[in-house]
PDB file of N, CA and C in Angstrom:
ATOM      1  N   MET A   1      -9.577 -45.299  17.534  1.00  0.00           N
ATOM      2  CA  MET A   1      -8.823 -44.263  17.901  1.00  0.00           C
ATOM      3  C   MET A   1      -9.056 -44.019  19.192  1.00  0.00           C
ATOM      4  N   SER A   2      -8.130 -43.888  19.849  1.00  0.00           N
ATOM      5  CA  SER A   2      -8.593 -43.928  21.499  1.00  0.00           C
ATOM      6  C   SER A   2      -8.914 -42.451  22.021  1.00  0.00           C
ATOM      7  N   PRO A   3      -9.725 -42.684  22.969  1.00  0.00           N
ATOM      8  CA  PRO A   3     -10.143 -40.923  23.379  1.00  0.00           C
ATOM      9  C   PRO A   3      -8.836 -39.963  23.650  1.00  0.00           C
ATOM     10  N   ASN A   4      -7.838 -40.427  24.220  1.00  0.00           N
ATOM     11  CA  ASN A   4      -6.585 -39.391  24.401  1.00  0.00           C
ATOM     12  C   ASN A   4      -6.209 -38.837  22.992  1.00  0.00           C
ATOM     13  N   GLY A   5      -6.377 -39.969  22.164  1.00  0.00           N
ATOM     14  CA  GLY A   5      -5.870 -39.385  20.600  1.00  0.00           C
ATOM     15  C   GLY A   5      -6.722 -38.423  20.141  1.00  0.00           C
ATOM     16  N   LYS A   6      -7.983 -38.530  19.957  1.00  0.00           N
ATOM     17  CA  LYS A   6      -9.096 -37.699  19.576  1.00  0.00           C
ATOM     18  C   LYS A   6      -9.032 -36.205  20.138  1.00  0.00           C
ATOM     19  N   ALA A   7      -8.552 -36.318  21.712  1.00  0.00           N
ATOM     20  CA  ALA A   7      -8.391 -35.102  22.394  1.00  0.00           C
ATOM     21  C   ALA A   7      -7.501 -34.379  21.986  1.00  0.00           C
ATOM     22  N   TRP A   8      -6.195 -35.082  21.614  1.00  0.00           N
ATOM     23  CA  TRP A   8      -4.923 -34.823  21.039  1.00  0.00           C
ATOM     24  C   TRP A   8      -5.295 -33.617  19.644  1.00  0.00           C
ATOM     25  N   THR A   9      -5.979 -34.884  18.871  1.00  0.00           N
ATOM     26  CA  THR A   9      -6.291 -34.079  17.419  1.00  0.00           C
ATOM     27  C   THR A   9      -7.097 -33.209  17.514  1.00  0.00           C
ATOM     28  N   LEU A  10      -8.136 -33.097  18.669  1.00  0.00           N
ATOM     29  CA  LEU A  10      -9.046 -31.700  18.740  1.00  0.00           C
ATOM     30  C   LEU A  10      -7.858 -30.355  19.068  1.00  0.00           C
ATOM     31  N   ARG A  11      -7.089 -30.745  19.749  1.00  0.00           N
ATOM     32  CA  ARG A  11      -6.541 -29.549  20.641  1.00  0.00           C
ATOM     33  C   ARG A  11      -5.487 -29.188  19.384  1.00  0.00           C
ATOM     34  N   ARG A  12      -4.979 -29.940  18.549  1.00  0.00           N
ATOM     35  CA  ARG A  12      -4.068 -29.663  17.322  1.00  0.00           C
ATOM     36  C   ARG A  12      -4.837 -28.709  16.344  1.00  0.00           C
ATOM     37  N   LYS A  13      -5.848 -28.980  16.104  1.00  0.00           N
ATOM     38  CA  LYS A  13      -6.865 -28.086  15.419  1.00  0.00           C
ATOM     39  C   LYS A  13      -6.959 -26.944  15.784  1.00  0.00           C
ATOM     40  N   LYS A  14      -7.256 -26.919  16.994  1.00  0.00           N
ATOM     41  CA  LYS A  14      -7.679 -25.456  17.563  1.00  0.00           C
ATOM     42  C   LYS A  14      -6.600 -24.818  17.720  1.00  0.00           C
ATOM     43  N   GLU A  15      -5.380 -25.415  18.020  1.00  0.00           N
ATOM     44  CA  GLU A  15      -3.868 -24.531  17.734  1.00  0.00           C
ATOM     45  C   GLU A  15      -3.701 -23.991  16.371  1.00  0.00           C
ATOM     46  N   ARG A  16      -3.757 -24.771  15.371  1.00  0.00           N
ATOM     47  CA  ARG A  16      -3.651 -24.510  14.051  1.00  0.00           C
ATOM     48  C   ARG A  16      -4.770 -23.337  13.475  1.00  0.00           C
ATOM     49  N   LYS A  17      -5.771 -23.428  14.073  1.00  0.00           N
ATOM     50  CA  LYS A  17      -6.798 -22.582  13.763  1.00  0.00           C
ATOM     51  C   LYS A  17      -6.605 -20.914  14.234  1.00  0.00           C
ATOM     52  N   GLY A  18      -6.022 -21.010  15.741  1.00  0.00           N
ATOM     53  CA  GLY A  18      -5.804 -19.893  16.409  1.00  0.00           C
ATOM     54  C   GLY A  18      -4.291 -19.311  15.708  1.00  0.00           C
ATOM     55  N   CYS A  19      -3.492 -20.172  15.234  1.00  0.00           N
ATOM     56  CA  CYS A  19      -2.187 -19.393  14.444  1.00  0.00           C
ATOM     57  C   CYS A  19      -2.598 -18.959  13.124  1.00  0.00           C
ATOM     58  N   LYS A  20      -3.726 -19.629  12.490  1.00  0.00           N
ATOM     59  CA  LYS A  20      -4.036 -19.013  11.333  1.00  0.00           C
ATOM     60  C   LYS A  20      -5.128 -17.700  11.525  1.00  0.00           C
ATOM     61  N   GLU A  21      -5.445 -17.565  12.552  1.00  0.00           N
ATOM     62  CA  GLU A  21      -6.121 -16.356  13.102  1.00  0.00           C
ATOM     63  C   GLU A  21      -5.287 -15.101  13.449  1.00  0.00           C
ATOM     64  N   ARG A  22      -4.368 -15.547  14.007  1.00  0.00           N
ATOM     65  CA  ARG A  22      -3.109 -14.749  14.213  1.00  0.00           C
ATOM     66  C   ARG A  22      -2.676 -14.234  13.084  1.00  0.00           C
ATOM     67  N   ARG A  23      -2.060 -15.213  12.364  1.00  0.00           N
ATOM     68  CA  ARG A  23      -1.435 -14.687  10.902  1.00  0.00           C
ATOM     69  C   ARG A  23      -2.194 -13.870  10.269  1.00  0.00           C
ATOM     70  N   ASN A  24      -3.353 -14.432   9.944  1.00  0.00           N
ATOM     71  CA  ASN A  24      -4.254 -13.417   9.158  1.00  0.00           C
ATOM     72  C   ASN A  24      -4.398 -11.867   9.920  1.00  0.00           C
ATOM     73  N   GLU A  25      -4.664 -11.823  11.306  1.00  0.00           N
ATOM     74  CA  GLU A  25      -4.598 -10.727  11.716  1.00  0.00           C
ATOM     75  C   GLU A  25      -3.636  -9.811  11.474  1.00  0.00           C
ATOM     76  N   GLY A  26      -2.253 -10.278  11.571  1.00  0.00           N
ATOM     77  CA  GLY A  26      -0.986  -9.781  11.306  1.00  0.00           C
ATOM     78  C   GLY A  26      -1.085  -9.377  10.159  1.00  0.00           C
ATOM     79  N   LEU A  27      -1.660  -9.984   9.068  1.00  0.00           N
ATOM     80  CA  LEU A  27      -1.494  -9.733   7.545  1.00  0.00           C
ATOM     81  C   LEU A  27      -2.766  -8.835   7.789  1.00  0.00           C
ATOM     82  N   ARG A  28      -3.754  -8.471   8.250  1.00  0.00           N
ATOM     83  CA  ARG A  28      -4.571  -7.379   8.018  1.00  0.00           C
ATOM     84  C   ARG A  28      -3.845  -5.809   8.487  1.00  0.00           C
ATOM     85  N   ILE A  29      -3.198  -6.005   9.659  1.00  0.00           N
ATOM     86  CA  ILE A  29      -2.526  -4.855  10.102  1.00  0.00           C
ATOM     87  C   ILE A  29      -1.605  -4.423   9.073  1.00  0.00           C
ATOM     88  N   THR A  30      -0.718  -5.187   8.688  1.00  0.00           N
ATOM     89  CA  THR A  30       0.581  -4.832   7.584  1.00  0.00           C
ATOM     90  C   THR A  30      -0.315  -4.289   6.496  1.00  0.00           C
ATOM     91  N   GLU A  31      -1.065  -4.928   5.787  1.00  0.00           N
ATOM     92  CA  GLU A  31      -1.840  -4.579   4.773  1.00  0.00           C
ATOM     93  C   GLU A  31      -2.721  -3.303   5.008  1.00  0.00           C
ATOM     94  N   SER A  32      -3.503  -2.844   6.120  1.00  0.00           N
ATOM     95  CA  SER A  32      -3.657  -1.490   6.291  1.00  0.00           C
ATOM     96  C   SER A  32      -2.767  -0.426   6.452  1.00  0.00           C
ATOM     97  N   THR A  33      -1.862  -0.821   7.015  1.00  0.00           N
ATOM     98  CA  THR A  33      -0.361   0.051   7.275  1.00  0.00           C
ATOM     99  C   THR A  33       0.018   0.605   5.573  1.00  0.00           C
ATOM    100  N   TRP A  34       0.093  -0.668   4.917  1.00  0.00           N
ATOM    101  CA  TRP A  34       0.673  -0.196   3.517  1.00  0.00           C
ATOM    102  C   TRP A  34      -0.301   0.835   3.027  1.00  0.00           C
ATOM    103  N   ARG A  35      -1.270   0.497   3.180  1.00  0.00           N
ATOM    104  CA  ARG A  35      -2.565   1.502   2.109  1.00  0.00           C
ATOM    105  C   ARG A  35      -2.486   2.696   2.897  1.00  0.00           C
ATOM    106  N   VAL A  36      -1.954   3.152   4.345  1.00  0.00           N
ATOM    107  CA  VAL A  36      -1.693   4.354   4.523  1.00  0.00           C
ATOM    108  C   VAL A  36      -0.419   4.982   3.868  1.00  0.00           C
ATOM    109  N   VAL A  37       0.613   4.279   3.821  1.00  0.00           N
ATOM    110  CA  VAL A  37       1.818   4.501   3.465  1.00  0.00           C
ATOM    111  C   VAL A  37       1.651   5.055   1.975  1.00  0.00           C
ATOM    112  N   GLU A  38       0.855   4.043   0.914  1.00  0.00           N
ATOM    113  CA  GLU A  38       0.824   4.302  -0.291  1.00  0.00           C
ATOM    114  C   GLU A  38       0.116   5.563  -0.510  1.00  0.00           C
ATOM    115  N   GLY A  39      -1.026   5.989   0.369  1.00  0.00           N
ATOM    116  CA  GLY A  39      -1.787   6.612   0.176  1.00  0.00           C
ATOM    117  C   GLY A  39      -1.220   8.360   0.372  1.00  0.00           C
ATOM    118  N   SER A  40      -0.096   8.357   1.284  1.00  0.00           N
ATOM    119  CA  SER A  40       0.523   9.657   1.608  1.00  0.00           C
ATOM    120  C   SER A  40       1.994   9.794   1.481  1.00  0.00           C
ATOM    121  N   TYR A  41       2.361  11.035   0.902  1.00  0.00           N
ATOM    122  CA  TYR A  41       3.756  11.146   0.518  1.00  0.00           C
ATOM    123  C   TYR A  41       4.433  11.977   1.714  1.00  0.00           C
ATOM    124  N   CYS A  42       5.310  11.201   2.261  1.00  0.00           N
ATOM    125  CA  CYS A  42       6.477  11.716   3.394  1.00  0.00           C
ATOM    126  C   CYS A  42       7.683  11.698   3.435  1.00  0.00           C
ATOM    127  N   ALA A  43       8.240  12.094   4.084  1.00  0.00           N
ATOM    128  CA  ALA A  43       9.904  11.885   3.935  1.00  0.00           C
ATOM    129  C   ALA A  43      10.352  10.449   4.488  1.00  0.00           C
ATOM    130  N   PHE A  44       9.308   9.850   5.221  1.00  0.00           N
ATOM    131  CA  PHE A  44       9.635   8.295   5.063  1.00  0.00           C
ATOM    132  C   PHE A  44       9.479   7.531   4.318  1.00  0.00           C
ATOM    133  N   CYS A  45       8.238   7.775   3.351  1.00  0.00           N
ATOM    134  CA  CYS A  45       8.065   7.051   2.167  1.00  0.00           C
ATOM    135  C   CYS A  45       9.158   7.315   1.353  1.00  0.00           C
ATOM    136  N   SER A  46       9.703   8.325   1.029  1.00  0.00           N
ATOM    137  CA  SER A  46      10.821   8.527  -0.137  1.00  0.00           C
ATOM    138  C   SER A  46      12.106   8.013   0.311  1.00  0.00           C
ATOM    139  N   SER A  47      12.135   7.423   1.507  1.00  0.00           N
ATOM    140  CA  SER A  47      13.311   6.912   2.047  1.00  0.00           C
ATOM    141  C   SER A  47      13.656   5.286   1.945  1.00  0.00           C
ATOM    142  N   VAL A  48      12.345   4.856   1.522  1.00  0.00           N
ATOM    143  CA  VAL A  48      12.265   3.312   1.632  1.00  0.00           C
ATOM    144  C   VAL A  48      12.828   2.891   0.582  1.00  0.00           C
ATOM    145  N   ILE A  49      13.846   1.942   0.617  1.00  0.00           N
ATOM    146  CA  ILE A  49      14.823   1.177  -0.190  1.00  0.00           C
ATOM    147  C   ILE A  49      14.131  -0.096  -0.529  1.00  0.00           C
ATOM    148  N   SER A  50      14.262  -0.614  -1.702  1.00  0.00           N
ATOM    149  CA  SER A  50      13.955  -1.866  -2.234  1.00  0.00           C
ATOM    150  C   SER A  50      15.144  -2.706  -1.983  1.00  0.00           C
ATOM    151  N   PRO A  51      14.972  -3.795  -1.790  1.00  0.00           N
ATOM    152  CA  PRO A  51      16.056  -4.965  -1.601  1.00  0.00           C
ATOM    153  C   PRO A  51      17.155  -4.972  -2.866  1.00  0.00           C
ATOM    154  N   GLU A  52      16.971  -4.311  -3.858  1.00  0.00           N
ATOM    155  CA  GLU A  52      17.772  -4.404  -5.202  1.00  0.00           C
ATOM    156  C   GLU A  52      18.596  -2.741  -4.896  1.00  0.00           C
ATOM    157  N   GLY A  53      18.204  -2.125  -4.161  1.00  0.00           N
ATOM    158  CA  GLY A  53      19.049  -1.152  -3.792  1.00  0.00           C
ATOM    159  C   GLY A  53      18.431   0.260  -4.741  1.00  0.00           C
ATOM    160  N   LYS A  54      17.250   0.181  -5.202  1.00  0.00           N
ATOM    161  CA  LYS A  54      16.468   1.159  -5.961  1.00  0.00           C
ATOM    162  C   LYS A  54      15.593   1.802  -4.885  1.00  0.00           C
ATOM    163  N   ASP A  55      15.183   3.199  -5.125  1.00  0.00           N
ATOM    164  CA  ASP A  55      14.367   3.825  -4.197  1.00  0.00           C
ATOM    165  C   ASP A  55      13.133   3.475  -4.910  1.00  0.00           C
ATOM    166  N   LYS A  56      11.906   3.158  -4.008  1.00  0.00           N
ATOM    167  CA  LYS A  56      10.956   2.782  -4.468  1.00  0.00           C
ATOM    168  C   LYS A  56       9.980   4.103  -5.230  1.00  0.00           C
ATOM    169  N   ILE A  57      10.332   5.005  -4.596  1.00  0.00           N
ATOM    170  CA  ILE A  57       9.679   6.290  -5.502  1.00  0.00           C
ATOM    171  C   ILE A  57       9.649   6.575  -6.680  1.00  0.00           C
ATOM    172  N   ASP A  58      11.120   7.022  -6.884  1.00  0.00           N
ATOM    173  CA  ASP A  58      11.606   7.453  -8.260  1.00  0.00           C
ATOM    174  C   ASP A  58      12.624   6.631  -8.893  1.00  0.00           C
ATOM    175  N   GLY A  59      12.777   5.164  -8.243  1.00  0.00           N
ATOM    176  CA  GLY A  59      13.611   4.388  -9.010  1.00  0.00           C
ATOM    177  C   GLY A  59      15.229   4.462  -9.047  1.00  0.00           C
ATOM    178  N   LYS A  60      15.956   5.346  -8.698  1.00  0.00           N
ATOM    179  CA  LYS A  60      17.500   5.921  -8.580  1.00  0.00           C
ATOM    180  C   LYS A  60      17.759   4.876  -7.438  1.00  0.00           C
ATOM    181  N   LYS A  61      19.166   4.415  -7.927  1.00  0.00           N
ATOM    182  CA  LYS A  61      19.980   3.577  -7.029  1.00  0.00           C
ATOM    183  C   LYS A  61      20.235   4.638  -6.047  1.00  0.00           C
ATOM    184  N   GLU A  62      20.586   3.751  -4.706  1.00  0.00           N
ATOM    185  CA  GLU A  62      20.968   4.513  -3.607  1.00  0.00           C
ATOM    186  C   GLU A  62      22.630   4.438  -3.920  1.00  0.00           C
ATOM    187  N   GLN A  63      23.105   5.458  -3.326  1.00  0.00           N
ATOM    188  CA  GLN A  63      24.731   5.463  -3.261  1.00  0.00           C
ATOM    189  C   GLN A  63      24.924   4.917  -1.820  1.00  0.00           C
ATOM    190  N   SER A  64      25.952   3.715  -1.752  1.00  0.00           N
ATOM    191  CA  SER A  64      26.195   3.561  -0.302  1.00  0.00           C
ATOM    192  C   SER A  64      27.391   4.726   0.315  1.00  0.00           C
ATOM    193  N   VAL A  65      27.095   4.915   1.672  1.00  0.00           N
ATOM    194  CA  VAL A  65      27.574   5.889   2.602  1.00  0.00           C
ATOM    195  C   VAL A  65      28.719   4.823   2.830  1.00  0.00           C
ATOM    196  N   HIS A  66      28.799   3.829   3.407  1.00  0.00           N
ATOM    197  CA  HIS A  66      29.720   2.905   3.751  1.00  0.00           C
ATOM    198  C   HIS A  66      30.654   2.040   2.739  1.00  0.00           C
ATOM    199  N   ARG A  67      32.062   2.087   2.300  1.00  0.00           N
ATOM    200  CA  ARG A  67      32.502   1.157   1.449  1.00  0.00           C
ATOM    201  C   ARG A  67      33.871   0.605   2.109  1.00  0.00           C
TER     202      ARG A  67
END
């Protein structure tokens, strides 16, 4: 392998490691935010809707205002 190719490989490894660390950091922030949301009951929490259209708190279907 040429010296230039080796340098390129090392740079790619560092880039991948940096991406992985940033992704993990983002997941940690999201995870801790969800713990706060799950632990407290507030107006925001009761209005969170799942992709199926059911309220995550009591499981009732949301009625669409726009028809």
